């Protein structure tokens, strides 16, 4: 018994294959470029926002909470001291490193 196998004919020639591959590569590159561009824009926005917050903070007359009269009045009204466990729980935040976005 003789083995006979016929390969399936390719319906696309080399030139068309390279054209399709080029189009697919261009679409993938454009998508990757767009995502990268969005990440760079986001990072730039965060840096601009941070600079603006620091600039606003420098303009404030009372930049430290323990010198802020309205906050001292609130402590007095709520009957607890700065740095007490209750004040720590209500007002203090925990540091989260966001340098790598």
PDB file of N, CA and C in Angstrom:
ATOM      1  N   UNK A   1       0.843  -1.173   0.000  1.00  0.00           N
ATOM      2  CA  UNK A   1       0.000   0.000   0.000  1.00  0.00           C
ATOM      3  C   UNK A   1       0.890   1.238   0.000  1.00  0.00           C
ATOM      4  N   UNK A   2       0.577   2.079  -0.851  1.00  0.00           N
ATOM      5  CA  UNK A   2       1.389   3.271  -1.031  1.00  0.00           C
ATOM      6  C   UNK A   2       0.739   4.438  -0.298  1.00  0.00           C
ATOM      7  N   UNK A   3       1.569   5.185   0.423  1.00  0.00           N
ATOM      8  CA  UNK A   3       1.076   6.340   1.163  1.00  0.00           C
ATOM      9  C   UNK A   3       1.033   7.521   0.222  1.00  0.00           C
ATOM     10  N   UNK A   4      -0.108   8.139   0.126  1.00  0.00           N
ATOM     11  CA  UNK A   4      -0.178   9.329  -0.705  1.00  0.00           C
ATOM     12  C   UNK A   4      -0.824  10.447   0.103  1.00  0.00           C
ATOM     13  N   UNK A   5      -0.094  11.516   0.192  1.00  0.00           N
ATOM     14  CA  UNK A   5      -0.581  12.669   0.947  1.00  0.00           C
ATOM     15  C   UNK A   5      -0.409  13.890   0.091  1.00  0.00           C
ATOM     16  N   UNK A   6      -1.461  14.651  -0.005  1.00  0.00           N
ATOM     17  CA  UNK A   6      -1.390  15.898  -0.773  1.00  0.00           C
ATOM     18  C   UNK A   6      -1.569  17.051   0.201  1.00  0.00           C
ATOM     19  N   UNK A   7      -0.633  17.952   0.201  1.00  0.00           N
ATOM     20  CA  UNK A   7      -0.730  19.117   1.082  1.00  0.00           C
ATOM     21  C   UNK A   7      -1.870  20.007   0.633  1.00  0.00           C
ATOM     22  N   UNK A   8      -2.437  20.675   1.631  1.00  0.00           N
ATOM     23  CA  UNK A   8      -3.506  21.614   1.312  1.00  0.00           C
ATOM     24  C   UNK A   8      -2.904  22.797   0.590  1.00  0.00           C
ATOM     25  N   UNK A   9      -3.633  23.258  -0.357  1.00  0.00           N
ATOM     26  CA  UNK A   9      -3.139  24.416  -1.091  1.00  0.00           C
ATOM     27  C   UNK A   9      -3.258  25.663  -0.219  1.00  0.00           C
ATOM     28  N   UNK A  10      -2.259  26.484  -0.301  1.00  0.00           N
ATOM     29  CA  UNK A  10      -2.267  27.742   0.427  1.00  0.00           C
ATOM     30  C   UNK A  10      -3.050  28.749  -0.398  1.00  0.00           C
ATOM     31  N   UNK A  11      -4.004  29.387   0.257  1.00  0.00           N
ATOM     32  CA  UNK A  11      -4.870  30.315  -0.470  1.00  0.00           C
ATOM     33  C   UNK A  11      -4.312  31.728  -0.500  1.00  0.00           C
ATOM     34  N   UNK A  12      -3.152  31.916   0.091  1.00  0.00           N
ATOM     35  CA  UNK A  12      -2.565  33.251   0.148  1.00  0.00           C
ATOM     36  C   UNK A  12      -1.118  33.152  -0.324  1.00  0.00           C
ATOM     37  N   UNK A  13      -0.713  34.094  -1.133  1.00  0.00           N
ATOM     38  CA  UNK A  13       0.674  34.040  -1.594  1.00  0.00           C
ATOM     39  C   UNK A  13       1.579  34.808  -0.639  1.00  0.00           C
ATOM     40  N   UNK A  14       2.854  34.740  -0.889  1.00  0.00           N
ATOM     41  CA  UNK A  14       3.837  35.338   0.013  1.00  0.00           C
ATOM     42  C   UNK A  14       3.637  36.850   0.153  1.00  0.00           C
ATOM     43  N   UNK A  15       3.391  37.522  -0.924  1.00  0.00           N
ATOM     44  CA  UNK A  15       3.224  38.972  -0.893  1.00  0.00           C
ATOM     45  C   UNK A  15       2.015  39.377  -0.047  1.00  0.00           C
ATOM     46  N   UNK A  16       0.907  38.651  -0.194  1.00  0.00           N
ATOM     47  CA  UNK A  16      -0.270  38.954   0.613  1.00  0.00           C
ATOM     48  C   UNK A  16      -0.022  38.657   2.089  1.00  0.00           C
ATOM     49  N   UNK A  17       0.685  37.551   2.354  1.00  0.00           N
ATOM     50  CA  UNK A  17       1.012  37.212   3.745  1.00  0.00           C
ATOM     51  C   UNK A  17       1.839  38.319   4.396  1.00  0.00           C
ATOM     52  N   UNK A  18       2.859  38.800   3.698  1.00  0.00           N
ATOM     53  CA  UNK A  18       3.690  39.879   4.245  1.00  0.00           C
ATOM     54  C   UNK A  18       2.886  41.159   4.435  1.00  0.00           C
ATOM     55  N   UNK A  19       1.949  41.414   3.549  1.00  0.00           N
ATOM     56  CA  UNK A  19       1.087  42.586   3.696  1.00  0.00           C
ATOM     57  C   UNK A  19       0.211  42.482   4.938  1.00  0.00           C
ATOM     58  N   UNK A  20      -0.411  41.303   5.126  1.00  0.00           N
ATOM     59  CA  UNK A  20      -1.241  41.105   6.321  1.00  0.00           C
ATOM     60  C   UNK A  20      -0.404  41.174   7.593  1.00  0.00           C
ATOM     61  N   UNK A  21       0.769  40.565   7.559  1.00  0.00           N
ATOM     62  CA  UNK A  21       1.648  40.593   8.733  1.00  0.00           C
ATOM     63  C   UNK A  21       2.056  42.026   9.053  1.00  0.00           C
ATOM     64  N   UNK A  22       2.326  42.819   8.018  1.00  0.00           N
ATOM     65  CA  UNK A  22       2.679  44.224   8.235  1.00  0.00           C
ATOM     66  C   UNK A  22       1.538  45.013   8.846  1.00  0.00           C
ATOM     67  N   UNK A  23       0.324  44.774   8.383  1.00  0.00           N
ATOM     68  CA  UNK A  23      -0.843  45.471   8.931  1.00  0.00           C
ATOM     69  C   UNK A  23      -1.050  45.072  10.387  1.00  0.00           C
ATOM     70  N   UNK A  24      -0.956  43.790  10.684  1.00  0.00           N
ATOM     71  CA  UNK A  24      -1.124  43.324  12.065  1.00  0.00           C
ATOM     72  C   UNK A  24      -0.047  43.919  12.961  1.00  0.00           C
ATOM     73  N   UNK A  25       1.195  43.947  12.500  1.00  0.00           N
ATOM     74  CA  UNK A  25       2.286  44.533  13.287  1.00  0.00           C
ATOM     75  C   UNK A  25       2.031  46.021  13.538  1.00  0.00           C
ATOM     76  N   UNK A  26       1.541  46.726  12.523  1.00  0.00           N
ATOM     77  CA  UNK A  26       1.262  48.156  12.686  1.00  0.00           C
ATOM     78  C   UNK A  26       0.149  48.384  13.700  1.00  0.00           C
ATOM     79  N   UNK A  27      -0.886  47.557  13.668  1.00  0.00           N
ATOM     80  CA  UNK A  27      -1.993  47.697  14.623  1.00  0.00           C
ATOM     81  C   UNK A  27      -1.495  47.428  16.043  1.00  0.00           C
ATOM     82  N   UNK A  28      -0.710  46.370  16.209  1.00  0.00           N
ATOM     83  CA  UNK A  28      -0.174  46.059  17.539  1.00  0.00           C
ATOM     84  C   UNK A  28       0.754  47.162  18.032  1.00  0.00           C
ATOM     85  N   UNK A  29       1.605  47.689  17.162  1.00  0.00           N
ATOM     86  CA  UNK A  29       2.534  48.747  17.563  1.00  0.00           C
ATOM     87  C   UNK A  29       1.760  50.005  17.960  1.00  0.00           C
ATOM     88  N   UNK A  30       0.720  50.334  17.189  1.00  0.00           N
ATOM     89  CA  UNK A  30      -0.074  51.522  17.502  1.00  0.00           C
ATOM     90  C   UNK A  30      -0.758  51.368  18.857  1.00  0.00           C
ATOM     91  N   UNK A  31      -1.290  50.183  19.120  1.00  0.00           N
ATOM     92  CA  UNK A  31      -1.928  49.940  20.414  1.00  0.00           C
ATOM     93  C   UNK A  31      -0.939  50.052  21.559  1.00  0.00           C
ATOM     94  N   UNK A  32       0.243  49.462  21.390  1.00  0.00           N
ATOM     95  CA  UNK A  32       1.266  49.533  22.438  1.00  0.00           C
ATOM     96  C   UNK A  32       1.723  50.974  22.639  1.00  0.00           C
ATOM     97  N   UNK A  33       1.880  51.704  21.549  1.00  0.00           N
ATOM     98  CA  UNK A  33       2.301  53.100  21.654  1.00  0.00           C
ATOM     99  C   UNK A  33       1.245  53.925  22.391  1.00  0.00           C
ATOM    100  N   UNK A  34      -0.029  53.677  22.100  1.00  0.00           N
ATOM    101  CA  UNK A  34      -1.110  54.411  22.750  1.00  0.00           C
ATOM    102  C   UNK A  34      -1.128  54.146  24.250  1.00  0.00           C
ATOM    103  N   UNK A  35      -0.980  52.881  24.634  1.00  0.00           N
ATOM    104  CA  UNK A  35      -0.967  52.532  26.060  1.00  0.00           C
ATOM    105  C   UNK A  35       0.220  53.193  26.753  1.00  0.00           C
ATOM    106  N   UNK A  36       1.391  53.123  26.134  1.00  0.00           N
ATOM    107  CA  UNK A  36       2.583  53.751  26.705  1.00  0.00           C
ATOM    108  C   UNK A  36       2.386  55.257  26.841  1.00  0.00           C
ATOM    109  N   UNK A  37       1.800  55.864  25.830  1.00  0.00           N
ATOM    110  CA  UNK A  37       1.548  57.306  25.857  1.00  0.00           C
ATOM    111  C   UNK A  37       0.595  57.672  26.991  1.00  0.00           C
ATOM    112  N   UNK A  38      -0.424  56.853  27.228  1.00  0.00           N
ATOM    113  CA  UNK A  38      -1.360  57.115  28.320  1.00  0.00           C
ATOM    114  C   UNK A  38      -0.665  57.024  29.673  1.00  0.00           C
ATOM    115  N   UNK A  39       0.214  56.050  29.828  1.00  0.00           N
ATOM    116  CA  UNK A  39       0.941  55.905  31.091  1.00  0.00           C
ATOM    117  C   UNK A  39       1.852  57.096  31.323  1.00  0.00           C
ATOM    118  N   UNK A  40       2.535  57.546  30.293  1.00  0.00           N
ATOM    119  CA  UNK A  40       3.420  58.712  30.424  1.00  0.00           C
ATOM    120  C   UNK A  40       2.602  59.948  30.771  1.00  0.00           C
ATOM    121  N   UNK A  41       1.455  60.127  30.107  1.00  0.00           N
ATOM    122  CA  UNK A  41       0.589  61.276  30.408  1.00  0.00           C
ATOM    123  C   UNK A  41       0.099  61.223  31.851  1.00  0.00           C
ATOM    124  N   UNK A  42      -0.253  60.030  32.326  1.00  0.00           N
ATOM    125  CA  UNK A  42      -0.734  59.887  33.701  1.00  0.00           C
ATOM    126  C   UNK A  42       0.361  60.259  34.692  1.00  0.00           C
ATOM    127  N   UNK A  43       1.571  59.771  34.435  1.00  0.00           N
ATOM    128  CA  UNK A  43       2.697  60.085  35.315  1.00  0.00           C
ATOM    129  C   UNK A  43       2.980  61.579  35.309  1.00  0.00           C
ATOM    130  N   UNK A  44       2.933  62.198  34.126  1.00  0.00           N
ATOM    131  CA  UNK A  44       3.163  63.635  34.024  1.00  0.00           C
ATOM    132  C   UNK A  44       2.087  64.406  34.788  1.00  0.00           C
ATOM    133  N   UNK A  45       0.839  63.967  34.677  1.00  0.00           N
ATOM    134  CA  UNK A  45      -0.259  64.624  35.390  1.00  0.00           C
ATOM    135  C   UNK A  45      -0.057  64.517  36.904  1.00  0.00           C
ATOM    136  N   UNK A  46       0.330  63.341  37.374  1.00  0.00           N
ATOM    137  CA  UNK A  46       0.541  63.152  38.816  1.00  0.00           C
ATOM    138  C   UNK A  46       1.662  64.056  39.316  1.00  0.00           C
ATOM    139  N   UNK A  47       2.738  64.173  38.557  1.00  0.00           N
ATOM    140  CA  UNK A  47       3.847  65.046  38.965  1.00  0.00           C
ATOM    141  C   UNK A  47       3.415  66.515  38.982  1.00  0.00           C
ATOM    142  N   UNK A  48       2.614  66.930  37.993  1.00  0.00           N
ATOM    143  CA  UNK A  48       2.130  68.315  37.966  1.00  0.00           C
ATOM    144  C   UNK A  48       1.200  68.571  39.146  1.00  0.00           C
ATOM    145  N   UNK A  49       0.341  67.599  39.458  1.00  0.00           N
ATOM    146  CA  UNK A  49      -0.588  67.743  40.587  1.00  0.00           C
ATOM    147  C   UNK A  49       0.180  67.833  41.903  1.00  0.00           C
ATOM    148  N   UNK A  50       1.200  67.008  42.056  1.00  0.00           N
ATOM    149  CA  UNK A  50       2.021  67.038  43.265  1.00  0.00           C
ATOM    150  C   UNK A  50       2.723  68.384  43.406  1.00  0.00           C
ATOM    151  N   UNK A  51       3.280  68.888  42.315  1.00  0.00           N
ATOM    152  CA  UNK A  51       3.947  70.193  42.360  1.00  0.00           C
ATOM    153  C   UNK A  51       2.955  71.292  42.741  1.00  0.00           C
ATOM    154  N   UNK A  52       1.737  71.217  42.205  1.00  0.00           N
ATOM    155  CA  UNK A  52       0.719  72.204  42.544  1.00  0.00           C
ATOM    156  C   UNK A  52       0.331  72.152  44.011  1.00  0.00           C
ATOM    157  N   UNK A  53       0.217  70.947  44.558  1.00  0.00           N
ATOM    158  CA  UNK A  53      -0.122  70.819  45.978  1.00  0.00           C
ATOM    159  C   UNK A  53       0.982  71.381  46.863  1.00  0.00           C
ATOM    160  N   UNK A  54       2.236  71.091  46.514  1.00  0.00           N
ATOM    161  CA  UNK A  54       3.349  71.643  47.295  1.00  0.00           C
ATOM    162  C   UNK A  54       3.380  73.169  47.197  1.00  0.00           C
ATOM    163  N   UNK A  55       3.082  73.696  46.013  1.00  0.00           N
ATOM    164  CA  UNK A  55       3.065  75.145  45.827  1.00  0.00           C
ATOM    165  C   UNK A  55       1.949  75.773  46.670  1.00  0.00           C
ATOM    166  N   UNK A  56       0.779  75.150  46.667  1.00  0.00           N
ATOM    167  CA  UNK A  56      -0.321  75.652  47.498  1.00  0.00           C
ATOM    168  C   UNK A  56       0.035  75.586  48.973  1.00  0.00           C
ATOM    169  N   UNK A  57       0.704  74.512  49.374  1.00  0.00           N
ATOM    170  CA  UNK A  57       1.082  74.342  50.770  1.00  0.00           C
ATOM    171  C   UNK A  57       2.075  75.416  51.204  1.00  0.00           C
ATOM    172  N   UNK A  58       2.992  75.797  50.330  1.00  0.00           N
ATOM    173  CA  UNK A  58       3.977  76.831  50.672  1.00  0.00           C
ATOM    174  C   UNK A  58       3.321  78.192  50.882  1.00  0.00           C
ATOM    175  N   UNK A  59       2.197  78.436  50.225  1.00  0.00           N
ATOM    176  CA  UNK A  59       1.511  79.726  50.338  1.00  0.00           C
ATOM    177  C   UNK A  59       0.720  79.858  51.636  1.00  0.00           C
ATOM    178  N   UNK A  60       0.418  78.747  52.281  1.00  0.00           N
ATOM    179  CA  UNK A  60      -0.401  78.777  53.488  1.00  0.00           C
ATOM    180  C   UNK A  60       0.349  79.421  54.645  1.00  0.00           C
ATOM    181  N   UNK A  61      -0.365  80.212  55.414  1.00  0.00           N
ATOM    182  CA  UNK A  61       0.250  80.876  56.566  1.00  0.00           C
ATOM    183  C   UNK A  61       0.576  79.860  57.662  1.00  0.00           C
ATOM    184  N   UNK A  62      -0.345  78.937  57.893  1.00  0.00           N
ATOM    185  CA  UNK A  62      -0.132  77.919  58.927  1.00  0.00           C
ATOM    186  C   UNK A  62      -0.071  76.565  58.242  1.00  0.00           C
ATOM    187  N   UNK A  63       1.127  76.068  58.104  1.00  0.00           N
ATOM    188  CA  UNK A  63       1.318  74.828  57.371  1.00  0.00           C
ATOM    189  C   UNK A  63       1.392  73.613  58.283  1.00  0.00           C
ATOM    190  N   UNK A  64       1.430  73.811  59.567  1.00  0.00           N
ATOM    191  CA  UNK A  64       1.528  72.700  60.499  1.00  0.00           C
ATOM    192  C   UNK A  64       0.240  72.635  61.310  1.00  0.00           C
ATOM    193  N   UNK A  65      -0.305  71.436  61.419  1.00  0.00           N
ATOM    194  CA  UNK A  65      -1.619  71.303  62.050  1.00  0.00           C
ATOM    195  C   UNK A  65      -1.600  71.695  63.526  1.00  0.00           C
ATOM    196  N   UNK A  66      -0.480  71.495  64.210  1.00  0.00           N
ATOM    197  CA  UNK A  66      -0.465  71.835  65.635  1.00  0.00           C
ATOM    198  C   UNK A  66      -0.397  73.353  65.867  1.00  0.00           C
ATOM    199  N   UNK A  67      -0.294  74.144  64.799  1.00  0.00           N
ATOM    200  CA  UNK A  67      -0.359  75.608  64.905  1.00  0.00           C
ATOM    201  C   UNK A  67      -1.690  76.140  64.387  1.00  0.00           C
ATOM    202  N   UNK A  68      -2.527  75.274  63.854  1.00  0.00           N
ATOM    203  CA  UNK A  68      -3.788  75.684  63.257  1.00  0.00           C
ATOM    204  C   UNK A  68      -4.838  75.844  64.359  1.00  0.00           C
ATOM    205  N   UNK A  69      -5.323  77.068  64.532  1.00  0.00           N
ATOM    206  CA  UNK A  69      -6.237  77.370  65.634  1.00  0.00           C
ATOM    207  C   UNK A  69      -7.560  76.618  65.499  1.00  0.00           C
ATOM    208  N   UNK A  70      -8.076  76.479  64.287  1.00  0.00           N
ATOM    209  CA  UNK A  70      -9.352  75.769  64.129  1.00  0.00           C
ATOM    210  C   UNK A  70      -9.203  74.297  64.497  1.00  0.00           C
ATOM    211  N   UNK A  71      -8.068  73.707  64.209  1.00  0.00           N
ATOM    212  CA  UNK A  71      -7.844  72.318  64.600  1.00  0.00           C
ATOM    213  C   UNK A  71      -7.659  72.191  66.108  1.00  0.00           C
ATOM    214  N   UNK A  72      -6.979  73.154  66.714  1.00  0.00           N
ATOM    215  CA  UNK A  72      -6.833  73.138  68.169  1.00  0.00           C
ATOM    216  C   UNK A  72      -8.192  73.292  68.858  1.00  0.00           C
ATOM    217  N   UNK A  73      -9.055  74.142  68.304  1.00  0.00           N
ATOM    218  CA  UNK A  73     -10.410  74.292  68.847  1.00  0.00           C
ATOM    219  C   UNK A  73     -11.200  72.983  68.721  1.00  0.00           C
ATOM    220  N   UNK A  74     -11.014  72.285  67.604  1.00  0.00           N
ATOM    221  CA  UNK A  74     -11.708  71.021  67.420  1.00  0.00           C
ATOM    222  C   UNK A  74     -11.236  69.992  68.456  1.00  0.00           C
ATOM    223  N   UNK A  75      -9.932  69.928  68.703  1.00  0.00           N
ATOM    224  CA  UNK A  75      -9.410  69.019  69.728  1.00  0.00           C
ATOM    225  C   UNK A  75     -10.037  69.336  71.088  1.00  0.00           C
ATOM    226  N   UNK A  76     -10.113  70.632  71.386  1.00  0.00           N
ATOM    227  CA  UNK A  76     -10.680  71.052  72.670  1.00  0.00           C
ATOM    228  C   UNK A  76     -12.167  70.683  72.751  1.00  0.00           C
ATOM    229  N   UNK A  77     -12.890  70.909  71.662  1.00  0.00           N
ATOM    230  CA  UNK A  77     -14.319  70.627  71.626  1.00  0.00           C
ATOM    231  C   UNK A  77     -14.602  69.114  71.731  1.00  0.00           C
ATOM    232  N   UNK A  78     -13.775  68.286  71.096  1.00  0.00           N
ATOM    233  CA  UNK A  78     -13.976  66.839  71.117  1.00  0.00           C
ATOM    234  C   UNK A  78     -13.323  66.181  72.332  1.00  0.00           C
ATOM    235  N   UNK A  79     -12.617  66.974  73.109  1.00  0.00           N
ATOM    236  CA  UNK A  79     -12.054  66.535  74.381  1.00  0.00           C
ATOM    237  C   UNK A  79     -10.995  65.424  74.233  1.00  0.00           C
ATOM    238  N   UNK A  80     -10.067  65.618  73.312  1.00  0.00           N
ATOM    239  CA  UNK A  80      -8.889  64.753  73.275  1.00  0.00           C
ATOM    240  C   UNK A  80      -7.696  65.535  72.760  1.00  0.00           C
ATOM    241  N   UNK A  81      -6.526  65.001  72.981  1.00  0.00           N
ATOM    242  CA  UNK A  81      -5.278  65.702  72.696  1.00  0.00           C
ATOM    243  C   UNK A  81      -4.694  65.265  71.348  1.00  0.00           C
ATOM    244  N   UNK A  82      -3.883  66.152  70.750  1.00  0.00           N
ATOM    245  CA  UNK A  82      -3.143  65.730  69.560  1.00  0.00           C
ATOM    246  C   UNK A  82      -2.241  64.546  69.902  1.00  0.00           C
ATOM    247  N   UNK A  83      -2.090  63.638  68.962  1.00  0.00           N
ATOM    248  CA  UNK A  83      -1.281  62.426  69.080  1.00  0.00           C
ATOM    249  C   UNK A  83      -1.836  61.411  70.075  1.00  0.00           C
ATOM    250  N   UNK A  84      -3.049  61.624  70.550  1.00  0.00           N
ATOM    251  CA  UNK A  84      -3.687  60.609  71.383  1.00  0.00           C
ATOM    252  C   UNK A  84      -4.121  59.455  70.455  1.00  0.00           C
ATOM    253  N   UNK A  85      -4.404  58.300  71.014  1.00  0.00           N
ATOM    254  CA  UNK A  85      -4.829  57.180  70.159  1.00  0.00           C
ATOM    255  C   UNK A  85      -6.051  57.513  69.297  1.00  0.00           C
ATOM    256  N   UNK A  86      -6.986  58.266  69.839  1.00  0.00           N
ATOM    257  CA  UNK A  86      -8.174  58.650  69.067  1.00  0.00           C
ATOM    258  C   UNK A  86      -7.800  59.582  67.915  1.00  0.00           C
ATOM    259  N   UNK A  87      -6.936  60.541  68.177  1.00  0.00           N
ATOM    260  CA  UNK A  87      -6.494  61.459  67.115  1.00  0.00           C
ATOM    261  C   UNK A  87      -5.729  60.691  66.043  1.00  0.00           C
ATOM    262  N   UNK A  88      -4.886  59.760  66.445  1.00  0.00           N
ATOM    263  CA  UNK A  88      -4.134  58.941  65.479  1.00  0.00           C
ATOM    264  C   UNK A  88      -5.105  58.173  64.583  1.00  0.00           C
ATOM    265  N   UNK A  89      -6.125  57.604  65.190  1.00  0.00           N
ATOM    266  CA  UNK A  89      -7.087  56.805  64.428  1.00  0.00           C
ATOM    267  C   UNK A  89      -7.891  57.665  63.460  1.00  0.00           C
ATOM    268  N   UNK A  90      -8.280  58.863  63.890  1.00  0.00           N
ATOM    269  CA  UNK A  90      -9.138  59.708  63.064  1.00  0.00           C
ATOM    270  C   UNK A  90      -8.394  60.474  61.976  1.00  0.00           C
ATOM    271  N   UNK A  91      -7.210  60.977  62.278  1.00  0.00           N
ATOM    272  CA  UNK A  91      -6.587  61.961  61.391  1.00  0.00           C
ATOM    273  C   UNK A  91      -5.322  61.513  60.675  1.00  0.00           C
ATOM    274  N   UNK A  92      -4.675  60.471  61.120  1.00  0.00           N
ATOM    275  CA  UNK A  92      -3.389  60.130  60.549  1.00  0.00           C
ATOM    276  C   UNK A  92      -3.531  59.047  59.495  1.00  0.00           C
ATOM    277  N   UNK A  93      -2.749  59.183  58.462  1.00  0.00           N
ATOM    278  CA  UNK A  93      -2.792  58.228  57.360  1.00  0.00           C
ATOM    279  C   UNK A  93      -1.544  57.360  57.396  1.00  0.00           C
ATOM    280  N   UNK A  94      -1.567  56.325  56.590  1.00  0.00           N
ATOM    281  CA  UNK A  94      -0.429  55.431  56.495  1.00  0.00           C
ATOM    282  C   UNK A  94       0.225  55.637  55.127  1.00  0.00           C
ATOM    283  N   UNK A  95       1.539  55.567  55.118  1.00  0.00           N
ATOM    284  CA  UNK A  95       2.285  55.790  53.887  1.00  0.00           C
ATOM    285  C   UNK A  95       2.139  54.603  52.945  1.00  0.00           C
ATOM    286  N   UNK A  96       1.839  54.889  51.690  1.00  0.00           N
ATOM    287  CA  UNK A  96       1.798  53.875  50.656  1.00  0.00           C
ATOM    288  C   UNK A  96       2.706  54.341  49.541  1.00  0.00           C
ATOM    289  N   UNK A  97       3.710  53.531  49.213  1.00  0.00           N
ATOM    290  CA  UNK A  97       4.669  53.912  48.186  1.00  0.00           C
ATOM    291  C   UNK A  97       3.995  53.833  46.802  1.00  0.00           C
ATOM    292  N   UNK A  98       3.866  54.981  46.155  1.00  0.00           N
ATOM    293  CA  UNK A  98       3.248  55.030  44.828  1.00  0.00           C
ATOM    294  C   UNK A  98       4.231  55.535  43.785  1.00  0.00           C
ATOM    295  N   UNK A  99       5.515  55.381  44.067  1.00  0.00           N
ATOM    296  CA  UNK A  99       6.509  55.875  43.117  1.00  0.00           C
ATOM    297  C   UNK A  99       6.519  55.041  41.840  1.00  0.00           C
ATOM    298  N   UNK A 100       6.174  53.769  41.938  1.00  0.00           N
ATOM    299  CA  UNK A 100       6.089  52.906  40.768  1.00  0.00           C
ATOM    300  C   UNK A 100       4.621  52.780  40.412  1.00  0.00           C
ATOM    301  N   UNK A 101       4.274  53.341  39.260  1.00  0.00           N
ATOM    302  CA  UNK A 101       2.854  53.335  38.883  1.00  0.00           C
ATOM    303  C   UNK A 101       2.568  52.181  37.972  1.00  0.00           C
TER     304      UNK A 101
END
